[in-house]
Amino acid sequence: MFEFDQYLGFLTFLSILTIGFWLMIFLLSFVIPYWLTGSLMEWLQEKKDGRKEVPKRK
C-alpha cells in the first residue's frame, strides 16, 4: 500500500491537477470572452470616432 509521503505526493498531484482544470475553465468561460468583448467594443468605438472626422481638403 502507500506510505505516508507517497500519499501526500498523490494528494499534491491531485490538488495541482484540479486547480489547473478549474483555472482553465475560468479562463475559457470568463476572462477570454471578457477580453474579446472589451477589445471589440473599443475597436468599434475607434471606428465610429474616425467616421465623425471630416477629411481636410487642400
C-alpha atoms as a PDB file:
ATOM      1  CA  MET A   1       0.000   0.000   0.000  1.00  0.00           C
ATOM      2  CA  PHE A   2       1.010   3.675   0.091  1.00  0.00           C
ATOM      3  CA  GLU A   3       3.417   5.121   2.579  1.00  0.00           C
ATOM      4  CA  PHE A   4       2.559   8.489   4.090  1.00  0.00           C
ATOM      5  CA  ASP A   5       4.916  10.545   1.864  1.00  0.00           C
ATOM      6  CA  GLN A   6       3.568   8.830  -1.259  1.00  0.00           C
ATOM      7  CA  TYR A   7       0.054   9.610  -0.100  1.00  0.00           C
ATOM      8  CA  LEU A   8       0.962  13.295   0.365  1.00  0.00           C
ATOM      9  CA  GLY A   9       2.586  13.364  -3.079  1.00  0.00           C
ATOM     10  CA  PHE A  10      -0.529  11.857  -4.632  1.00  0.00           C
ATOM     11  CA  LEU A  11      -2.762  14.416  -2.872  1.00  0.00           C
ATOM     12  CA  THR A  12      -0.461  17.234  -4.034  1.00  0.00           C
ATOM     13  CA  PHE A  13      -0.660  15.961  -7.606  1.00  0.00           C
ATOM     14  CA  LEU A  14      -4.460  15.764  -7.473  1.00  0.00           C
ATOM     15  CA  SER A  15      -4.659  19.266  -5.961  1.00  0.00           C
ATOM     16  CA  ILE A  16      -2.466  20.792  -8.681  1.00  0.00           C
ATOM     17  CA  LEU A  17      -4.392  18.951 -11.399  1.00  0.00           C
ATOM     18  CA  THR A  18      -7.734  20.133 -10.003  1.00  0.00           C
ATOM     19  CA  ILE A  19      -6.549  23.751  -9.628  1.00  0.00           C
ATOM     20  CA  GLY A  20      -5.283  23.718 -13.225  1.00  0.00           C
ATOM     21  CA  PHE A  21      -8.564  22.284 -14.501  1.00  0.00           C
ATOM     22  CA  TRP A  22     -10.703  24.913 -12.758  1.00  0.00           C
ATOM     23  CA  LEU A  23      -8.327  27.701 -13.813  1.00  0.00           C
ATOM     24  CA  MET A  24      -8.674  26.596 -17.438  1.00  0.00           C
ATOM     25  CA  ILE A  25     -12.486  26.518 -17.120  1.00  0.00           C
ATOM     26  CA  PHE A  26     -12.470  30.001 -15.531  1.00  0.00           C
ATOM     27  CA  LEU A  27     -10.219  31.451 -18.243  1.00  0.00           C
ATOM     28  CA  LEU A  28     -12.199  29.940 -21.104  1.00  0.00           C
ATOM     29  CA  SER A  29     -15.611  30.891 -19.740  1.00  0.00           C
ATOM     30  CA  PHE A  30     -15.000  34.363 -18.270  1.00  0.00           C
ATOM     31  CA  VAL A  31     -11.629  36.042 -18.827  1.00  0.00           C
ATOM     32  CA  ILE A  32     -11.136  35.410 -22.553  1.00  0.00           C
ATOM     33  CA  PRO A  33     -14.718  36.380 -23.592  1.00  0.00           C
ATOM     34  CA  TYR A  34     -14.472  39.495 -21.373  1.00  0.00           C
ATOM     35  CA  TRP A  35     -11.191  40.470 -23.026  1.00  0.00           C
ATOM     36  CA  LEU A  36     -12.524  39.837 -26.556  1.00  0.00           C
ATOM     37  CA  THR A  37     -15.744  41.780 -25.890  1.00  0.00           C
ATOM     38  CA  GLY A  38     -13.812  44.744 -24.493  1.00  0.00           C
ATOM     39  CA  SER A  39     -11.406  44.896 -27.418  1.00  0.00           C
ATOM     40  CA  LEU A  40     -14.275  44.571 -29.910  1.00  0.00           C
ATOM     41  CA  MET A  41     -16.162  47.434 -28.242  1.00  0.00           C
ATOM     42  CA  GLU A  42     -13.012  49.570 -28.206  1.00  0.00           C
ATOM     43  CA  TRP A  43     -12.379  48.827 -31.906  1.00  0.00           C
ATOM     44  CA  LEU A  44     -15.971  49.737 -32.805  1.00  0.00           C
ATOM     45  CA  GLN A  45     -15.718  52.981 -30.792  1.00  0.00           C
ATOM     46  CA  GLU A  46     -12.495  53.946 -32.583  1.00  0.00           C
ATOM     47  CA  LYS A  47     -14.104  53.169 -35.931  1.00  0.00           C
ATOM     48  CA  LYS A  48     -17.162  55.267 -35.009  1.00  0.00           C
ATOM     49  CA  ASP A  49     -14.996  58.197 -33.859  1.00  0.00           C
ATOM     50  CA  GLY A  50     -12.978  58.003 -37.062  1.00  0.00           C
ATOM     51  CA  ARG A  51     -16.102  58.412 -39.200  1.00  0.00           C
ATOM     52  CA  LYS A  52     -17.074  61.656 -37.485  1.00  0.00           C
ATOM     53  CA  GLU A  53     -13.885  63.378 -38.538  1.00  0.00           C
ATOM     54  CA  VAL A  54     -14.179  65.213 -41.838  1.00  0.00           C
ATOM     55  CA  PRO A  55     -11.083  64.924 -44.027  1.00  0.00           C
ATOM     56  CA  LYS A  56      -9.404  68.268 -44.775  1.00  0.00           C
ATOM     57  CA  ARG A  57      -9.389  69.432 -48.381  1.00  0.00           C
ATOM     58  CA  LYS A  58      -6.482  71.281 -49.925  1.00  0.00           C
END
